[in-house]
Structure formats: C-alpha cells, structure tokens
Amino acid sequence: MFLPIRQLVLYAARRIAADPRVRAKAAEVLETEIKPRAKAVWAETKPKIEAAAAELKDIARETRPLKHPAKFAAKLKERLRQGGEEEEDQGGSGRDT
C-alpha cells in the first residue's frame, strides 16, 4: 500500500521528465544559459591548463621522472611554490595605495 519516499520521488521525476513542456524548457535553458557559461569558463581555463601542461613537460625534460621520481617531485614542488608566490603578488586587494 505504502510507497517508500524514494519510490515516490523517482515516480515524480519520471513523470516530470516525460512532460514535453518540461523537456522543452530544459533544452532552452541548456542552450541559453548552461552552454554559454560553460564556453566562457572553458575559454578562461584552457590557457591555464595548457600552461600547466607545458610546465610539466619542461620539468620532465629537465628531470627524467621515471629514472629520478624524487628529483622530479622536488622540482615540481619547487615550481608550484614559485607559481603560488607569483599569483599572490599579482592578486592584491584591487586597491591602489
């Protein structure tokens, strides 16, 4: 007789998902809101990812990670610290003093 709450929620979700009006609205939101935001975030993030990949390649060229993993890790740690210090210097509070 009783349906557990979980089953009721799943039933409601299936009914909502089957509604053509809900599906149309979801498609509209995807196209007008979600995709543009995702593209903007990707455009901002992609150069950072590429820079990080280039940095890793440089470190791997300097120190062979398979032959000297500890040395590679130490160099990576050193570069990460240097990068963090540069970001802190550039960040600031946004106010000129």
N, C-alpha and C. Protein backbone atom coordinates (compact mmCIF):
# COMPACT_ATOMS: atom_id res chain seq x y z
N MET A 1 0.81 -1.18 0.00
CA MET A 1 0.00 0.00 0.00
C MET A 1 0.86 1.26 0.00
N PHE A 2 1.78 1.31 0.94
CA PHE A 2 2.64 2.49 1.03
C PHE A 2 3.78 2.38 0.03
N LEU A 3 4.07 3.48 -0.62
CA LEU A 3 5.27 3.55 -1.45
C LEU A 3 6.31 4.29 -0.64
N PRO A 4 7.49 3.73 -0.55
CA PRO A 4 8.54 4.48 0.16
C PRO A 4 8.79 5.83 -0.53
N ILE A 5 9.29 6.76 0.22
CA ILE A 5 9.54 8.11 -0.29
C ILE A 5 10.44 8.06 -1.52
N ARG A 6 11.42 7.21 -1.50
CA ARG A 6 12.34 7.11 -2.63
C ARG A 6 11.60 6.75 -3.91
N GLN A 7 10.69 5.79 -3.82
CA GLN A 7 9.93 5.38 -4.99
C GLN A 7 9.01 6.51 -5.46
N LEU A 8 8.43 7.25 -4.51
CA LEU A 8 7.58 8.39 -4.88
C LEU A 8 8.38 9.46 -5.62
N VAL A 9 9.59 9.74 -5.14
CA VAL A 9 10.44 10.73 -5.79
C VAL A 9 10.81 10.27 -7.19
N LEU A 10 11.19 9.02 -7.34
CA LEU A 10 11.54 8.51 -8.66
C LEU A 10 10.35 8.54 -9.60
N TYR A 11 9.18 8.20 -9.11
CA TYR A 11 7.97 8.24 -9.92
C TYR A 11 7.70 9.67 -10.38
N ALA A 12 7.80 10.62 -9.47
CA ALA A 12 7.57 12.03 -9.82
C ALA A 12 8.61 12.51 -10.84
N ALA A 13 9.85 12.10 -10.65
CA ALA A 13 10.91 12.51 -11.59
C ALA A 13 10.64 11.96 -12.98
N ARG A 14 10.20 10.71 -13.04
CA ARG A 14 9.88 10.12 -14.36
C ARG A 14 8.72 10.85 -15.02
N ARG A 15 7.71 11.18 -14.25
CA ARG A 15 6.55 11.90 -14.80
C ARG A 15 6.95 13.28 -15.31
N ILE A 16 7.77 13.97 -14.53
CA ILE A 16 8.22 15.30 -14.92
C ILE A 16 9.09 15.21 -16.18
N ALA A 17 10.00 14.25 -16.22
CA ALA A 17 10.90 14.10 -17.36
C ALA A 17 10.15 13.73 -18.64
N ALA A 18 9.01 13.08 -18.50
CA ALA A 18 8.23 12.69 -19.67
C ALA A 18 7.37 13.84 -20.20
N ASP A 19 7.20 14.89 -19.43
CA ASP A 19 6.37 16.03 -19.84
C ASP A 19 7.08 16.82 -20.94
N PRO A 20 6.48 16.96 -22.11
CA PRO A 20 7.12 17.67 -23.22
C PRO A 20 7.42 19.14 -22.91
N ARG A 21 6.58 19.77 -22.10
CA ARG A 21 6.84 21.18 -21.75
C ARG A 21 8.11 21.30 -20.90
N VAL A 22 8.28 20.39 -19.98
CA VAL A 22 9.47 20.40 -19.12
C VAL A 22 10.71 20.12 -19.97
N ARG A 23 10.60 19.17 -20.88
CA ARG A 23 11.74 18.84 -21.75
C ARG A 23 12.12 20.03 -22.63
N ALA A 24 11.12 20.73 -23.15
CA ALA A 24 11.39 21.90 -24.00
C ALA A 24 12.07 23.00 -23.19
N LYS A 25 11.59 23.23 -21.98
CA LYS A 25 12.19 24.26 -21.13
C LYS A 25 13.63 23.88 -20.75
N ALA A 26 13.86 22.61 -20.47
CA ALA A 26 15.21 22.15 -20.14
C ALA A 26 16.15 22.36 -21.32
N ALA A 27 15.68 22.06 -22.52
CA ALA A 27 16.52 22.26 -23.71
C ALA A 27 16.82 23.75 -23.91
N GLU A 28 15.82 24.59 -23.66
CA GLU A 28 16.02 26.05 -23.80
C GLU A 28 17.05 26.55 -22.79
N VAL A 29 16.92 26.13 -21.55
CA VAL A 29 17.87 26.55 -20.51
C VAL A 29 19.28 26.07 -20.84
N LEU A 30 19.38 24.86 -21.35
CA LEU A 30 20.68 24.33 -21.74
C LEU A 30 21.33 25.22 -22.80
N GLU A 31 20.58 25.57 -23.83
CA GLU A 31 21.12 26.36 -24.93
C GLU A 31 21.39 27.81 -24.55
N THR A 32 20.51 28.42 -23.75
CA THR A 32 20.64 29.86 -23.49
C THR A 32 21.47 30.19 -22.25
N GLU A 33 21.55 29.26 -21.29
CA GLU A 33 22.25 29.59 -20.04
C GLU A 33 23.47 28.71 -19.78
N ILE A 34 23.28 27.42 -19.85
CA ILE A 34 24.34 26.50 -19.44
C ILE A 34 25.49 26.47 -20.44
N LYS A 35 25.19 26.30 -21.73
CA LYS A 35 26.26 26.23 -22.73
C LYS A 35 27.09 27.51 -22.79
N PRO A 36 26.48 28.71 -22.81
CA PRO A 36 27.31 29.92 -22.83
C PRO A 36 28.22 30.04 -21.61
N ARG A 37 27.72 29.68 -20.44
CA ARG A 37 28.55 29.73 -19.22
C ARG A 37 29.70 28.74 -19.32
N ALA A 38 29.40 27.54 -19.78
CA ALA A 38 30.45 26.51 -19.91
C ALA A 38 31.52 26.95 -20.91
N LYS A 39 31.10 27.54 -22.03
CA LYS A 39 32.07 28.01 -23.01
C LYS A 39 32.94 29.13 -22.44
N ALA A 40 32.35 30.04 -21.68
CA ALA A 40 33.12 31.13 -21.08
C ALA A 40 34.13 30.59 -20.07
N VAL A 41 33.71 29.65 -19.25
CA VAL A 41 34.62 29.07 -18.26
C VAL A 41 35.75 28.32 -18.97
N TRP A 42 35.42 27.58 -20.03
CA TRP A 42 36.44 26.84 -20.77
C TRP A 42 37.43 27.81 -21.41
N ALA A 43 36.95 28.91 -21.97
CA ALA A 43 37.85 29.88 -22.60
C ALA A 43 38.81 30.47 -21.58
N GLU A 44 38.36 30.62 -20.35
CA GLU A 44 39.21 31.16 -19.29
C GLU A 44 40.17 30.10 -18.75
N THR A 45 39.73 28.87 -18.71
CA THR A 45 40.50 27.79 -18.10
C THR A 45 41.52 27.16 -19.05
N LYS A 46 41.19 27.08 -20.33
CA LYS A 46 42.03 26.38 -21.29
C LYS A 46 43.48 26.88 -21.30
N PRO A 47 43.73 28.21 -21.33
CA PRO A 47 45.13 28.66 -21.32
C PRO A 47 45.89 28.23 -20.06
N LYS A 48 45.18 28.19 -18.93
CA LYS A 48 45.83 27.77 -17.69
C LYS A 48 46.22 26.29 -17.74
N ILE A 49 45.34 25.49 -18.31
CA ILE A 49 45.63 24.06 -18.44
C ILE A 49 46.80 23.85 -19.39
N GLU A 50 46.79 24.58 -20.51
CA GLU A 50 47.89 24.45 -21.47
C GLU A 50 49.21 24.90 -20.86
N ALA A 51 49.18 25.96 -20.07
CA ALA A 51 50.41 26.43 -19.41
C ALA A 51 50.91 25.39 -18.41
N ALA A 52 50.00 24.79 -17.67
CA ALA A 52 50.40 23.76 -16.71
C ALA A 52 50.99 22.55 -17.42
N ALA A 53 50.40 22.17 -18.54
CA ALA A 53 50.92 21.03 -19.31
C ALA A 53 52.32 21.34 -19.84
N ALA A 54 52.51 22.56 -20.34
CA ALA A 54 53.83 22.95 -20.84
C ALA A 54 54.85 22.96 -19.71
N GLU A 55 54.44 23.42 -18.55
CA GLU A 55 55.32 23.45 -17.38
C GLU A 55 55.73 22.03 -16.98
N LEU A 56 54.78 21.11 -16.98
CA LEU A 56 55.10 19.71 -16.66
C LEU A 56 56.07 19.11 -17.67
N LYS A 57 55.86 19.43 -18.95
CA LYS A 57 56.76 18.92 -19.98
C LYS A 57 58.18 19.46 -19.77
N ASP A 58 58.28 20.74 -19.42
CA ASP A 58 59.60 21.33 -19.16
C ASP A 58 60.29 20.63 -18.00
N ILE A 59 59.56 20.42 -16.93
CA ILE A 59 60.14 19.76 -15.76
C ILE A 59 60.55 18.33 -16.12
N ALA A 60 59.72 17.65 -16.91
CA ALA A 60 60.04 16.27 -17.31
C ALA A 60 61.27 16.22 -18.20
N ARG A 61 61.46 17.27 -19.03
CA ARG A 61 62.67 17.31 -19.87
C ARG A 61 63.92 17.53 -19.02
N GLU A 62 63.79 18.37 -17.99
CA GLU A 62 64.93 18.67 -17.12
C GLU A 62 65.28 17.48 -16.24
N THR A 63 64.28 16.82 -15.71
CA THR A 63 64.47 15.72 -14.77
C THR A 63 63.64 14.54 -15.24
N ARG A 64 64.28 13.45 -15.58
CA ARG A 64 63.57 12.27 -16.08
C ARG A 64 62.72 11.66 -14.95
N PRO A 65 61.39 11.79 -15.02
CA PRO A 65 60.56 11.33 -13.90
C PRO A 65 60.60 9.83 -13.67
N LEU A 66 60.83 9.02 -14.70
CA LEU A 66 60.87 7.57 -14.50
C LEU A 66 62.19 7.13 -13.86
N LYS A 67 63.26 7.84 -14.18
CA LYS A 67 64.56 7.47 -13.61
C LYS A 67 64.79 8.10 -12.24
N HIS A 68 64.29 9.33 -12.06
CA HIS A 68 64.52 10.07 -10.81
C HIS A 68 63.20 10.66 -10.30
N PRO A 69 62.29 9.83 -9.82
CA PRO A 69 60.98 10.35 -9.40
C PRO A 69 61.05 11.33 -8.24
N ALA A 70 61.96 11.11 -7.31
CA ALA A 70 62.05 12.02 -6.16
C ALA A 70 62.54 13.39 -6.61
N LYS A 71 63.52 13.42 -7.50
CA LYS A 71 64.04 14.68 -8.01
C LYS A 71 62.96 15.42 -8.81
N PHE A 72 62.20 14.66 -9.61
CA PHE A 72 61.10 15.24 -10.38
C PHE A 72 60.06 15.85 -9.45
N ALA A 73 59.69 15.12 -8.41
CA ALA A 73 58.70 15.61 -7.46
C ALA A 73 59.20 16.86 -6.74
N ALA A 74 60.48 16.90 -6.41
CA ALA A 74 61.04 18.07 -5.74
C ALA A 74 61.00 19.29 -6.66
N LYS A 75 61.36 19.10 -7.93
CA LYS A 75 61.31 20.21 -8.89
C LYS A 75 59.88 20.70 -9.07
N LEU A 76 58.96 19.76 -9.17
CA LEU A 76 57.55 20.11 -9.34
C LEU A 76 57.06 20.90 -8.13
N LYS A 77 57.40 20.45 -6.96
CA LYS A 77 57.01 21.14 -5.73
C LYS A 77 57.59 22.55 -5.69
N GLU A 78 58.84 22.69 -6.09
CA GLU A 78 59.51 23.99 -6.12
C GLU A 78 58.81 24.94 -7.09
N ARG A 79 58.48 24.44 -8.27
CA ARG A 79 57.81 25.28 -9.27
C ARG A 79 56.41 25.66 -8.83
N LEU A 80 55.71 24.73 -8.16
CA LEU A 80 54.37 25.04 -7.67
C LEU A 80 54.43 26.15 -6.62
N ARG A 81 55.43 26.08 -5.76
CA ARG A 81 55.59 27.14 -4.75
C ARG A 81 55.88 28.48 -5.42
N GLN A 82 56.75 28.48 -6.41
CA GLN A 82 57.07 29.72 -7.13
C GLN A 82 55.83 30.28 -7.81
N GLY A 83 55.03 29.44 -8.42
CA GLY A 83 53.80 29.88 -9.09
C GLY A 83 52.81 30.46 -8.10
N GLY A 84 52.69 29.85 -6.93
CA GLY A 84 51.78 30.36 -5.90
C GLY A 84 52.19 31.72 -5.39
N GLU A 85 53.51 31.93 -5.25
CA GLU A 85 54.00 33.22 -4.78
C GLU A 85 53.74 34.30 -5.82
N GLU A 86 53.89 33.97 -7.11
CA GLU A 86 53.64 34.95 -8.17
C GLU A 86 52.18 35.34 -8.21
N GLU A 87 51.27 34.37 -8.04
CA GLU A 87 49.84 34.66 -8.07
C GLU A 87 49.47 35.56 -6.90
N GLU A 88 50.04 35.32 -5.71
CA GLU A 88 49.75 36.16 -4.56
C GLU A 88 50.22 37.59 -4.81
N ASP A 89 51.39 37.75 -5.43
CA ASP A 89 51.91 39.08 -5.71
C ASP A 89 51.03 39.81 -6.71
N GLN A 90 50.50 39.12 -7.69
CA GLN A 90 49.69 39.74 -8.72
C GLN A 90 48.28 40.00 -8.23
N GLY A 91 47.76 39.15 -7.35
CA GLY A 91 46.37 39.24 -6.91
C GLY A 91 46.07 40.54 -6.21
N GLY A 92 46.68 40.78 -5.09
CA GLY A 92 46.47 42.00 -4.34
C GLY A 92 45.02 42.18 -3.93
N SER A 93 44.71 43.38 -3.45
CA SER A 93 43.36 43.66 -2.97
C SER A 93 42.54 44.40 -4.02
N GLY A 94 43.17 44.79 -5.12
CA GLY A 94 42.43 45.50 -6.15
C GLY A 94 42.39 47.00 -5.91
N ARG A 95 43.02 47.45 -4.80
CA ARG A 95 43.04 48.89 -4.49
C ARG A 95 44.45 49.41 -4.68
N ASP A 96 44.55 50.63 -5.18
CA ASP A 96 45.85 51.28 -5.30
C ASP A 96 46.12 52.07 -4.03
N THR A 97 47.33 51.92 -3.49
CA THR A 97 47.67 52.65 -2.27
C THR A 97 48.77 53.63 -2.52
